[in-house]
């Protein structure tokens, strides 16, 4: 099982809030879909999960 909690993520240069109080729970064998409108934080979420966002601090 993977539990992820993102309390807050915003762009540093202009303080635009991207994600706030976001939680994700993935159980073994689950298939997930990350869906949303343009700019809703899908890629940002995946970058945080994959440890690709060097500006994100836990």
PDB file of N, CA and C in Angstrom:
ATOM      1  N   UNK A   1       0.843  -1.172   0.000  1.00  0.00           N
ATOM      2  CA  UNK A   1       0.000   0.000   0.000  1.00  0.00           C
ATOM      3  C   UNK A   1       0.893   1.242   0.000  1.00  0.00           C
ATOM      4  N   UNK A   2       0.445   2.241  -0.720  1.00  0.00           N
ATOM      5  CA  UNK A   2       1.126   3.533  -0.763  1.00  0.00           C
ATOM      6  C   UNK A   2       0.150   4.594  -0.265  1.00  0.00           C
ATOM      7  N   UNK A   3       0.567   5.374   0.717  1.00  0.00           N
ATOM      8  CA  UNK A   3      -0.207   6.517   1.199  1.00  0.00           C
ATOM      9  C   UNK A   3       0.585   7.778   0.920  1.00  0.00           C
ATOM     10  N   UNK A   4      -0.052   8.741   0.292  1.00  0.00           N
ATOM     11  CA  UNK A   4       0.612   9.999  -0.040  1.00  0.00           C
ATOM     12  C   UNK A   4      -0.252  11.142   0.475  1.00  0.00           C
ATOM     13  N   UNK A   5       0.368  12.076   1.163  1.00  0.00           N
ATOM     14  CA  UNK A   5      -0.330  13.271   1.622  1.00  0.00           C
ATOM     15  C   UNK A   5       0.473  14.485   1.182  1.00  0.00           C
ATOM     16  N   UNK A   6      -0.149  15.327   0.405  1.00  0.00           N
ATOM     17  CA  UNK A   6       0.473  16.580  -0.037  1.00  0.00           C
ATOM     18  C   UNK A   6      -0.285  17.695   0.672  1.00  0.00           C
ATOM     19  N   UNK A   7       0.357  18.303   1.659  1.00  0.00           N
ATOM     20  CA  UNK A   7      -0.338  19.335   2.427  1.00  0.00           C
ATOM     21  C   UNK A   7      -0.467  20.637   1.632  1.00  0.00           C
ATOM     22  N   UNK A   8       0.595  20.979   0.875  1.00  0.00           N
ATOM     23  CA  UNK A   8       0.537  22.229   0.109  1.00  0.00           C
ATOM     24  C   UNK A   8       1.642  22.245  -0.930  1.00  0.00           C
ATOM     25  N   UNK A   9       1.322  22.665  -2.127  1.00  0.00           N
ATOM     26  CA  UNK A   9       2.315  22.856  -3.192  1.00  0.00           C
ATOM     27  C   UNK A   9       1.905  24.089  -3.975  1.00  0.00           C
ATOM     28  N   UNK A  10       2.833  25.024  -4.089  1.00  0.00           N
ATOM     29  CA  UNK A  10       2.566  26.223  -4.876  1.00  0.00           C
ATOM     30  C   UNK A  10       3.799  26.575  -5.684  1.00  0.00           C
ATOM     31  N   UNK A  11       3.584  27.284  -6.784  1.00  0.00           N
ATOM     32  CA  UNK A  11       4.709  27.756  -7.572  1.00  0.00           C
ATOM     33  C   UNK A  11       5.455  28.810  -6.772  1.00  0.00           C
ATOM     34  N   UNK A  12       6.772  28.637  -6.660  1.00  0.00           N
ATOM     35  CA  UNK A  12       7.568  29.528  -5.814  1.00  0.00           C
ATOM     36  C   UNK A  12       7.642  30.957  -6.334  1.00  0.00           C
ATOM     37  N   UNK A  13       7.679  31.129  -7.652  1.00  0.00           N
ATOM     38  CA  UNK A  13       7.914  32.473  -8.190  1.00  0.00           C
ATOM     39  C   UNK A  13       6.688  33.376  -8.136  1.00  0.00           C
ATOM     40  N   UNK A  14       5.474  32.825  -8.044  1.00  0.00           N
ATOM     41  CA  UNK A  14       4.303  33.697  -8.009  1.00  0.00           C
ATOM     42  C   UNK A  14       3.242  33.244  -6.999  1.00  0.00           C
ATOM     43  N   UNK A  15       3.601  32.307  -6.118  1.00  0.00           N
ATOM     44  CA  UNK A  15       2.720  31.851  -5.033  1.00  0.00           C
ATOM     45  C   UNK A  15       1.342  31.389  -5.494  1.00  0.00           C
ATOM     46  N   UNK A  16       1.264  30.786  -6.676  1.00  0.00           N
ATOM     47  CA  UNK A  16       0.006  30.206  -7.141  1.00  0.00           C
ATOM     48  C   UNK A  16      -0.140  28.823  -6.515  1.00  0.00           C
ATOM     49  N   UNK A  17      -1.217  28.627  -5.764  1.00  0.00           N
ATOM     50  CA  UNK A  17      -1.474  27.358  -5.096  1.00  0.00           C
ATOM     51  C   UNK A  17      -1.893  26.311  -6.126  1.00  0.00           C
ATOM     52  N   UNK A  18      -1.184  25.187  -6.158  1.00  0.00           N
ATOM     53  CA  UNK A  18      -1.471  24.125  -7.117  1.00  0.00           C
ATOM     54  C   UNK A  18      -2.239  22.991  -6.446  1.00  0.00           C
ATOM     55  N   UNK A  19      -1.732  22.523  -5.314  1.00  0.00           N
ATOM     56  CA  UNK A  19      -2.358  21.426  -4.573  1.00  0.00           C
ATOM     57  C   UNK A  19      -2.442  21.797  -3.104  1.00  0.00           C
ATOM     58  N   UNK A  20      -3.534  21.396  -2.463  1.00  0.00           N
ATOM     59  CA  UNK A  20      -3.668  21.631  -1.031  1.00  0.00           C
ATOM     60  C   UNK A  20      -4.492  20.505  -0.423  1.00  0.00           C
ATOM     61  N   UNK A  21      -3.995  19.942   0.684  1.00  0.00           N
ATOM     62  CA  UNK A  21      -4.676  18.855   1.391  1.00  0.00           C
ATOM     63  C   UNK A  21      -5.108  17.738   0.444  1.00  0.00           C
ATOM     64  N   UNK A  22      -4.156  17.239  -0.319  1.00  0.00           N
ATOM     65  CA  UNK A  22      -4.404  16.173  -1.280  1.00  0.00           C
ATOM     66  C   UNK A  22      -3.883  14.864  -0.710  1.00  0.00           C
ATOM     67  N   UNK A  23      -4.734  13.846  -0.687  1.00  0.00           N
ATOM     68  CA  UNK A  23      -4.289  12.543  -0.197  1.00  0.00           C
ATOM     69  C   UNK A  23      -4.615  11.474  -1.233  1.00  0.00           C
ATOM     70  N   UNK A  24      -3.717  10.510  -1.333  1.00  0.00           N
ATOM     71  CA  UNK A  24      -3.863   9.420  -2.292  1.00  0.00           C
ATOM     72  C   UNK A  24      -3.518   8.124  -1.563  1.00  0.00           C
ATOM     73  N   UNK A  25      -4.364   7.125  -1.696  1.00  0.00           N
ATOM     74  CA  UNK A  25      -4.103   5.807  -1.120  1.00  0.00           C
ATOM     75  C   UNK A  25      -4.225   4.789  -2.248  1.00  0.00           C
ATOM     76  N   UNK A  26      -3.161   4.036  -2.471  1.00  0.00           N
ATOM     77  CA  UNK A  26      -3.143   3.036  -3.534  1.00  0.00           C
ATOM     78  C   UNK A  26      -2.807   1.688  -2.903  1.00  0.00           C
ATOM     79  N   UNK A  27      -3.710   0.744  -3.033  1.00  0.00           N
ATOM     80  CA  UNK A  27      -3.493  -0.604  -2.519  1.00  0.00           C
ATOM     81  C   UNK A  27      -2.859  -1.479  -3.589  1.00  0.00           C
ATOM     82  N   UNK A  28      -2.186  -2.523  -3.156  1.00  0.00           N
ATOM     83  CA  UNK A  28      -1.563  -3.470  -4.073  1.00  0.00           C
ATOM     84  C   UNK A  28      -2.621  -4.011  -5.037  1.00  0.00           C
ATOM     85  N   UNK A  29      -2.302  -3.980  -6.321  1.00  0.00           N
ATOM     86  CA  UNK A  29      -3.211  -4.476  -7.348  1.00  0.00           C
ATOM     87  C   UNK A  29      -4.183  -3.437  -7.878  1.00  0.00           C
ATOM     88  N   UNK A  30      -4.251  -2.273  -7.232  1.00  0.00           N
ATOM     89  CA  UNK A  30      -5.144  -1.214  -7.710  1.00  0.00           C
ATOM     90  C   UNK A  30      -4.679  -0.676  -9.049  1.00  0.00           C
ATOM     91  N   UNK A  31      -5.627  -0.324  -9.869  1.00  0.00           N
ATOM     92  CA  UNK A  31      -5.352   0.417 -11.096  1.00  0.00           C
ATOM     93  C   UNK A  31      -5.938   1.800 -10.881  1.00  0.00           C
ATOM     94  N   UNK A  32      -5.153   2.815 -11.208  1.00  0.00           N
ATOM     95  CA  UNK A  32      -5.616   4.172 -10.938  1.00  0.00           C
ATOM     96  C   UNK A  32      -5.637   4.998 -12.220  1.00  0.00           C
ATOM     97  N   UNK A  33      -6.447   6.031 -12.198  1.00  0.00           N
ATOM     98  CA  UNK A  33      -6.539   6.995 -13.284  1.00  0.00           C
ATOM     99  C   UNK A  33      -6.428   8.375 -12.656  1.00  0.00           C
ATOM    100  N   UNK A  34      -5.522   9.161 -13.159  1.00  0.00           N
ATOM    101  CA  UNK A  34      -5.364  10.535 -12.692  1.00  0.00           C
ATOM    102  C   UNK A  34      -5.940  11.429 -13.776  1.00  0.00           C
ATOM    103  N   UNK A  35      -7.106  11.992 -13.502  1.00  0.00           N
ATOM    104  CA  UNK A  35      -7.850  12.729 -14.515  1.00  0.00           C
ATOM    105  C   UNK A  35      -8.181  14.123 -13.994  1.00  0.00           C
ATOM    106  N   UNK A  36      -8.155  15.095 -14.883  1.00  0.00           N
ATOM    107  CA  UNK A  36      -8.518  16.447 -14.497  1.00  0.00           C
ATOM    108  C   UNK A  36      -8.295  17.415 -15.640  1.00  0.00           C
ATOM    109  N   UNK A  37      -8.766  18.617 -15.443  1.00  0.00           N
ATOM    110  CA  UNK A  37      -8.636  19.652 -16.469  1.00  0.00           C
ATOM    111  C   UNK A  37      -7.197  20.134 -16.570  1.00  0.00           C
ATOM    112  N   UNK A  38      -6.922  20.867 -17.636  1.00  0.00           N
ATOM    113  CA  UNK A  38      -5.625  21.495 -17.831  1.00  0.00           C
ATOM    114  C   UNK A  38      -5.280  22.343 -16.609  1.00  0.00           C
ATOM    115  N   UNK A  39      -4.076  22.164 -16.085  1.00  0.00           N
ATOM    116  CA  UNK A  39      -3.631  22.981 -14.966  1.00  0.00           C
ATOM    117  C   UNK A  39      -4.161  22.560 -13.611  1.00  0.00           C
ATOM    118  N   UNK A  40      -4.759  21.376 -13.515  1.00  0.00           N
ATOM    119  CA  UNK A  40      -5.349  20.956 -12.239  1.00  0.00           C
ATOM    120  C   UNK A  40      -4.368  20.252 -11.309  1.00  0.00           C
ATOM    121  N   UNK A  41      -3.120  20.012 -11.767  1.00  0.00           N
ATOM    122  CA  UNK A  41      -2.099  19.446 -10.892  1.00  0.00           C
ATOM    123  C   UNK A  41      -1.767  17.985 -11.136  1.00  0.00           C
ATOM    124  N   UNK A  42      -2.214  17.418 -12.244  1.00  0.00           N
ATOM    125  CA  UNK A  42      -1.936  16.003 -12.537  1.00  0.00           C
ATOM    126  C   UNK A  42      -0.442  15.734 -12.672  1.00  0.00           C
ATOM    127  N   UNK A  43       0.229  16.472 -13.517  1.00  0.00           N
ATOM    128  CA  UNK A  43       1.664  16.274 -13.740  1.00  0.00           C
ATOM    129  C   UNK A  43       2.450  16.612 -12.481  1.00  0.00           C
ATOM    130  N   UNK A  44       2.060  17.656 -11.791  1.00  0.00           N
ATOM    131  CA  UNK A  44       2.727  18.024 -10.544  1.00  0.00           C
ATOM    132  C   UNK A  44       2.623  16.895  -9.527  1.00  0.00           C
ATOM    133  N   UNK A  45       1.440  16.307  -9.402  1.00  0.00           N
ATOM    134  CA  UNK A  45       1.244  15.189  -8.481  1.00  0.00           C
ATOM    135  C   UNK A  45       2.148  14.021  -8.838  1.00  0.00           C
ATOM    136  N   UNK A  46       2.200  13.662 -10.112  1.00  0.00           N
ATOM    137  CA  UNK A  46       3.056  12.554 -10.546  1.00  0.00           C
ATOM    138  C   UNK A  46       4.531  12.865 -10.324  1.00  0.00           C
ATOM    139  N   UNK A  47       4.929  14.099 -10.550  1.00  0.00           N
ATOM    140  CA  UNK A  47       6.325  14.485 -10.313  1.00  0.00           C
ATOM    141  C   UNK A  47       6.687  14.387  -8.830  1.00  0.00           C
ATOM    142  N   UNK A  48       5.763  14.732  -7.955  1.00  0.00           N
ATOM    143  CA  UNK A  48       6.005  14.611  -6.516  1.00  0.00           C
ATOM    144  C   UNK A  48       6.104  13.137  -6.128  1.00  0.00           C
ATOM    145  N   UNK A  49       5.169  12.322  -6.605  1.00  0.00           N
ATOM    146  CA  UNK A  49       5.180  10.889  -6.291  1.00  0.00           C
ATOM    147  C   UNK A  49       6.471  10.240  -6.790  1.00  0.00           C
ATOM    148  N   UNK A  50       6.900  10.600  -7.992  1.00  0.00           N
ATOM    149  CA  UNK A  50       8.101  10.015  -8.579  1.00  0.00           C
ATOM    150  C   UNK A  50       9.394  10.664  -8.128  1.00  0.00           C
ATOM    151  N   UNK A  51       9.300  11.581  -7.158  1.00  0.00           N
ATOM    152  CA  UNK A  51      10.467  12.298  -6.619  1.00  0.00           C
ATOM    153  C   UNK A  51      11.210  13.078  -7.693  1.00  0.00           C
ATOM    154  N   UNK A  52      10.484  13.562  -8.690  1.00  0.00           N
ATOM    155  CA  UNK A  52      11.081  14.343  -9.768  1.00  0.00           C
ATOM    156  C   UNK A  52      10.976  15.844  -9.534  1.00  0.00           C
ATOM    157  N   UNK A  53      10.209  16.254  -8.545  1.00  0.00           N
ATOM    158  CA  UNK A  53      10.039  17.674  -8.239  1.00  0.00           C
ATOM    159  C   UNK A  53      11.067  18.069  -7.185  1.00  0.00           C
ATOM    160  N   UNK A  54      12.160  18.665  -7.625  1.00  0.00           N
ATOM    161  CA  UNK A  54      13.252  19.004  -6.704  1.00  0.00           C
ATOM    162  C   UNK A  54      12.893  20.153  -5.764  1.00  0.00           C
ATOM    163  N   UNK A  55      11.808  20.882  -6.039  1.00  0.00           N
ATOM    164  CA  UNK A  55      11.421  21.996  -5.172  1.00  0.00           C
ATOM    165  C   UNK A  55      10.452  21.564  -4.083  1.00  0.00           C
ATOM    166  N   UNK A  56       9.919  20.343  -4.168  1.00  0.00           N
ATOM    167  CA  UNK A  56       8.936  19.889  -3.181  1.00  0.00           C
ATOM    168  C   UNK A  56       9.633  19.448  -1.908  1.00  0.00           C
ATOM    169  N   UNK A  57       9.109  19.905  -0.776  1.00  0.00           N
ATOM    170  CA  UNK A  57       9.654  19.533   0.524  1.00  0.00           C
ATOM    171  C   UNK A  57       8.555  18.859   1.333  1.00  0.00           C
ATOM    172  N   UNK A  58       8.900  17.783   2.012  1.00  0.00           N
ATOM    173  CA  UNK A  58       7.901  17.067   2.807  1.00  0.00           C
ATOM    174  C   UNK A  58       7.756  17.682   4.172  1.00  0.00           C
TER     175      UNK A  58
END
